[in-house]
C-alpha atoms as a PDB file:
ATOM      1  CA  UNK A   1       0.086  -0.207   0.166  1.00  0.00           C
ATOM      2  CA  UNK A   2       1.380   3.342  -0.459  1.00  0.00           C
ATOM      3  CA  UNK A   3      -0.035   6.076   1.386  1.00  0.00           C
ATOM      4  CA  UNK A   4       0.213  10.387   0.156  1.00  0.00           C
ATOM      5  CA  UNK A   5       3.088  11.984   1.880  1.00  0.00           C
ATOM      6  CA  UNK A   6       1.122  14.903   2.514  1.00  0.00           C
ATOM      7  CA  UNK A   7      -1.323  15.739   5.294  1.00  0.00           C
ATOM      8  CA  UNK A   8      -4.148  14.259   4.611  1.00  0.00           C
ATOM      9  CA  UNK A   9      -3.079  10.887   4.071  1.00  0.00           C
ATOM     10  CA  UNK A  10      -4.705   8.937   1.768  1.00  0.00           C
ATOM     11  CA  UNK A  11      -4.491   5.576   0.180  1.00  0.00           C
ATOM     12  CA  UNK A  12      -2.732   6.206  -3.846  1.00  0.00           C
ATOM     13  CA  UNK A  13      -1.946   2.594  -4.257  1.00  0.00           C
ATOM     14  CA  UNK A  14      -3.240  -1.000  -2.961  1.00  0.00           C
ATOM     15  CA  UNK A  15      -0.790  -3.985  -3.311  1.00  0.00           C
ATOM     16  CA  UNK A  16      -0.578  -6.953  -1.277  1.00  0.00           C
ATOM     17  CA  UNK A  17      -2.393  -6.053   1.755  1.00  0.00           C
ATOM     18  CA  UNK A  18      -2.983  -8.803   4.285  1.00  0.00           C
ATOM     19  CA  UNK A  19      -5.118  -9.905   7.072  1.00  0.00           C
ATOM     20  CA  UNK A  20      -3.762 -11.066  10.497  1.00  0.00           C
ATOM     21  CA  UNK A  21      -3.968 -15.355   8.750  1.00  0.00           C
ATOM     22  CA  UNK A  22      -1.959 -13.426   6.114  1.00  0.00           C
ATOM     23  CA  UNK A  23      -4.850 -13.505   3.385  1.00  0.00           C
ATOM     24  CA  UNK A  24      -5.519 -10.738   1.024  1.00  0.00           C
ATOM     25  CA  UNK A  25      -7.357  -8.527   2.001  1.00  0.00           C
ATOM     26  CA  UNK A  26      -6.983  -5.189  -0.913  1.00  0.00           C
ATOM     27  CA  UNK A  27     -11.122  -4.995  -1.365  1.00  0.00           C
ATOM     28  CA  UNK A  28     -11.145  -4.283   2.423  1.00  0.00           C
ATOM     29  CA  UNK A  29      -9.803  -0.623   1.316  1.00  0.00           C
ATOM     30  CA  UNK A  30     -10.021   1.870  -1.594  1.00  0.00           C
ATOM     31  CA  UNK A  31      -7.976   4.650  -3.401  1.00  0.00           C
ATOM     32  CA  UNK A  32      -8.591   7.384  -1.983  1.00  0.00           C
ATOM     33  CA  UNK A  33      -9.220   6.453   1.799  1.00  0.00           C
ATOM     34  CA  UNK A  34      -8.441   8.383   4.216  1.00  0.00           C
ATOM     35  CA  UNK A  35      -6.227   7.201   7.304  1.00  0.00           C
ATOM     36  CA  UNK A  36      -6.808   8.974  10.143  1.00  0.00           C
ATOM     37  CA  UNK A  37      -5.623   6.459  13.004  1.00  0.00           C
ATOM     38  CA  UNK A  38      -3.141   3.852  13.122  1.00  0.00           C
ATOM     39  CA  UNK A  39      -2.956   1.650  16.239  1.00  0.00           C
ATOM     40  CA  UNK A  40      -5.446   4.078  17.701  1.00  0.00           C
ATOM     41  CA  UNK A  41      -3.379   7.060  17.249  1.00  0.00           C
ATOM     42  CA  UNK A  42      -4.817  10.086  15.538  1.00  0.00           C
ATOM     43  CA  UNK A  43      -2.381  10.908  11.703  1.00  0.00           C
ATOM     44  CA  UNK A  44      -3.939  14.304  10.391  1.00  0.00           C
ATOM     45  CA  UNK A  45      -1.388  16.305  11.722  1.00  0.00           C
ATOM     46  CA  UNK A  46       1.124  13.841  10.869  1.00  0.00           C
ATOM     47  CA  UNK A  47       4.429  14.140   8.757  1.00  0.00           C
ATOM     48  CA  UNK A  48       4.740  11.083   6.387  1.00  0.00           C
ATOM     49  CA  UNK A  49       8.085  10.202   8.418  1.00  0.00           C
ATOM     50  CA  UNK A  50       6.192   9.985  12.064  1.00  0.00           C
ATOM     51  CA  UNK A  51       3.306   7.917   9.820  1.00  0.00           C
ATOM     52  CA  UNK A  52       6.257   5.631   8.922  1.00  0.00           C
ATOM     53  CA  UNK A  53       7.647   5.052  12.370  1.00  0.00           C
ATOM     54  CA  UNK A  54       4.272   4.094  13.992  1.00  0.00           C
ATOM     55  CA  UNK A  55       3.524   1.783  10.781  1.00  0.00           C
ATOM     56  CA  UNK A  56       6.471   0.644  10.610  1.00  0.00           C
ATOM     57  CA  UNK A  57       7.102  -2.376  12.866  1.00  0.00           C
ATOM     58  CA  UNK A  58       8.108  -6.289  13.560  1.00  0.00           C
ATOM     59  CA  UNK A  59       7.498  -8.155  10.672  1.00  0.00           C
ATOM     60  CA  UNK A  60       4.241  -9.969  10.503  1.00  0.00           C
ATOM     61  CA  UNK A  61       3.091  -8.249  13.299  1.00  0.00           C
ATOM     62  CA  UNK A  62      -0.593  -6.607  13.131  1.00  0.00           C
ATOM     63  CA  UNK A  63      -1.378  -3.250  12.948  1.00  0.00           C
ATOM     64  CA  UNK A  64      -4.989  -1.563  13.013  1.00  0.00           C
ATOM     65  CA  UNK A  65      -5.692   1.243  10.878  1.00  0.00           C
ATOM     66  CA  UNK A  66      -8.609   2.817  10.848  1.00  0.00           C
ATOM     67  CA  UNK A  67      -9.381   4.991   7.963  1.00  0.00           C
ATOM     68  CA  UNK A  68     -12.974   6.805   6.523  1.00  0.00           C
ATOM     69  CA  UNK A  69     -14.523   6.937   3.364  1.00  0.00           C
ATOM     70  CA  UNK A  70     -17.588   8.543   2.068  1.00  0.00           C
ATOM     71  CA  UNK A  71     -17.959   9.807   5.718  1.00  0.00           C
ATOM     72  CA  UNK A  72     -18.457   5.703   6.625  1.00  0.00           C
ATOM     73  CA  UNK A  73     -15.434   5.344   9.173  1.00  0.00           C
ATOM     74  CA  UNK A  74     -14.192   1.633   9.583  1.00  0.00           C
ATOM     75  CA  UNK A  75     -10.914  -0.450  11.179  1.00  0.00           C
ATOM     76  CA  UNK A  76      -8.541  -2.595   9.477  1.00  0.00           C
ATOM     77  CA  UNK A  77      -6.484  -5.529  11.314  1.00  0.00           C
ATOM     78  CA  UNK A  78      -3.265  -5.569   8.681  1.00  0.00           C
ATOM     79  CA  UNK A  79      -0.175  -7.421   8.894  1.00  0.00           C
ATOM     80  CA  UNK A  80       2.948  -6.387   8.345  1.00  0.00           C
ATOM     81  CA  UNK A  81       4.522  -8.257   6.056  1.00  0.00           C
ATOM     82  CA  UNK A  82       6.268  -7.262   3.376  1.00  0.00           C
ATOM     83  CA  UNK A  83      10.174  -7.857   3.555  1.00  0.00           C
ATOM     84  CA  UNK A  84      12.290  -4.551   3.330  1.00  0.00           C
ATOM     85  CA  UNK A  85      13.528  -3.492   0.521  1.00  0.00           C
ATOM     86  CA  UNK A  86      17.191  -1.771   0.832  1.00  0.00           C
ATOM     87  CA  UNK A  87      18.552  -0.899  -2.509  1.00  0.00           C
ATOM     88  CA  UNK A  88      15.480   1.980  -3.684  1.00  0.00           C
ATOM     89  CA  UNK A  89      16.460   3.925  -0.167  1.00  0.00           C
ATOM     90  CA  UNK A  90      17.510   4.490   2.706  1.00  0.00           C
ATOM     91  CA  UNK A  91      16.776   2.282   5.521  1.00  0.00           C
ATOM     92  CA  UNK A  92      15.626   3.883   8.503  1.00  0.00           C
ATOM     93  CA  UNK A  93      17.448   3.122  12.730  1.00  0.00           C
ATOM     94  CA  UNK A  94      13.095   1.939  13.113  1.00  0.00           C
ATOM     95  CA  UNK A  95      13.352  -0.772   9.906  1.00  0.00           C
ATOM     96  CA  UNK A  96      15.787  -2.618  11.373  1.00  0.00           C
ATOM     97  CA  UNK A  97      14.246  -6.104  11.836  1.00  0.00           C
ATOM     98  CA  UNK A  98      16.016  -9.064  13.969  1.00  0.00           C
ATOM     99  CA  UNK A  99      17.368 -10.793  11.088  1.00  0.00           C
ATOM    100  CA  UNK A 100      20.131  -8.306  10.574  1.00  0.00           C
ATOM    101  CA  UNK A 101      20.966  -8.755  13.758  1.00  0.00           C
ATOM    102  CA  UNK A 102      24.730 -10.468  13.896  1.00  0.00           C
ATOM    103  CA  UNK A 103      25.151  -9.809  10.568  1.00  0.00           C
ATOM    104  CA  UNK A 104      28.232  -8.398   8.291  1.00  0.00           C
ATOM    105  CA  UNK A 105      28.132  -5.938   6.677  1.00  0.00           C
ATOM    106  CA  UNK A 106      30.290  -3.875   3.579  1.00  0.00           C
ATOM    107  CA  UNK A 107      30.003  -0.551   3.208  1.00  0.00           C
ATOM    108  CA  UNK A 108      31.814   0.969   0.030  1.00  0.00           C
ATOM    109  CA  UNK A 109      32.867   4.826   0.355  1.00  0.00           C
ATOM    110  CA  UNK A 110      32.491   6.440  -2.624  1.00  0.00           C
ATOM    111  CA  UNK A 111      35.100   9.483  -3.231  1.00  0.00           C
ATOM    112  CA  UNK A 112      34.766  12.423  -2.689  1.00  0.00           C
ATOM    113  CA  UNK A 113      34.543  14.638  -5.822  1.00  0.00           C
ATOM    114  CA  UNK A 114      37.245  16.970  -4.775  1.00  0.00           C
ATOM    115  CA  UNK A 115      39.555  14.146  -4.281  1.00  0.00           C
ATOM    116  CA  UNK A 116      38.638  13.807  -0.248  1.00  0.00           C
ATOM    117  CA  UNK A 117      36.845  11.694   1.990  1.00  0.00           C
END
């Protein structure tokens, strides 16, 4: 699922939402629905970084999304199941998962354009 980066945070795209049992539940939300709360915390004034902080969590845990659509409010309980893609964006500290612990990572430094490091 992708959401608008600016408030109000609406759903822009729905893909592979899963219920707590791991079953596809894409049909339960609609593009354009407004995210009002995440785990009962209001998000109407949250910036995208704050919202990501609230949404990201342990893999396979369940999160409650409170949504509004055409004046109707409803809740979805969805599973956090998507693995982190580290190739296309910076990994934030709160996205570190247990499977990264005790792993060796290679850090490649790019040379500074002026020849400095």
